[in-house]
C-alpha cells in the first residue's frame, strides 16, 4: 500500500495518551493512529449508509405497497410481448 504523509495537530494530552497506548502494546504511534483512523472512517461510512437506507425505507413507506410484478414478468417470459 502506498503511503502519504500528512500533519495532524492534536491536543498535547491526546498526543501523550497515544504515545502511552502505543508503547503499552509495542506499536508505533503511526500504527495506532492509522488503525484508529481506519476504524473511524469505517464507522462513519456505515453510519452514512445506514442513513441512506433509512431515507429509502421512509420513501418506500410513503409510496406504499407496489403491485406484484410476477404476472407481468411471466407474460414477458412466455413470449406474448416479445419482439421477434
Foldseek 3Di string as FASTA:
>chain_A
DDDDDDDDDDDPVVVVVLVVVCVVVVHDSVVVVVVVVVVVVVVVVVVVVVVVVVVVVVVDVVVDDDDDCVVVVVCVVVPPPDDD
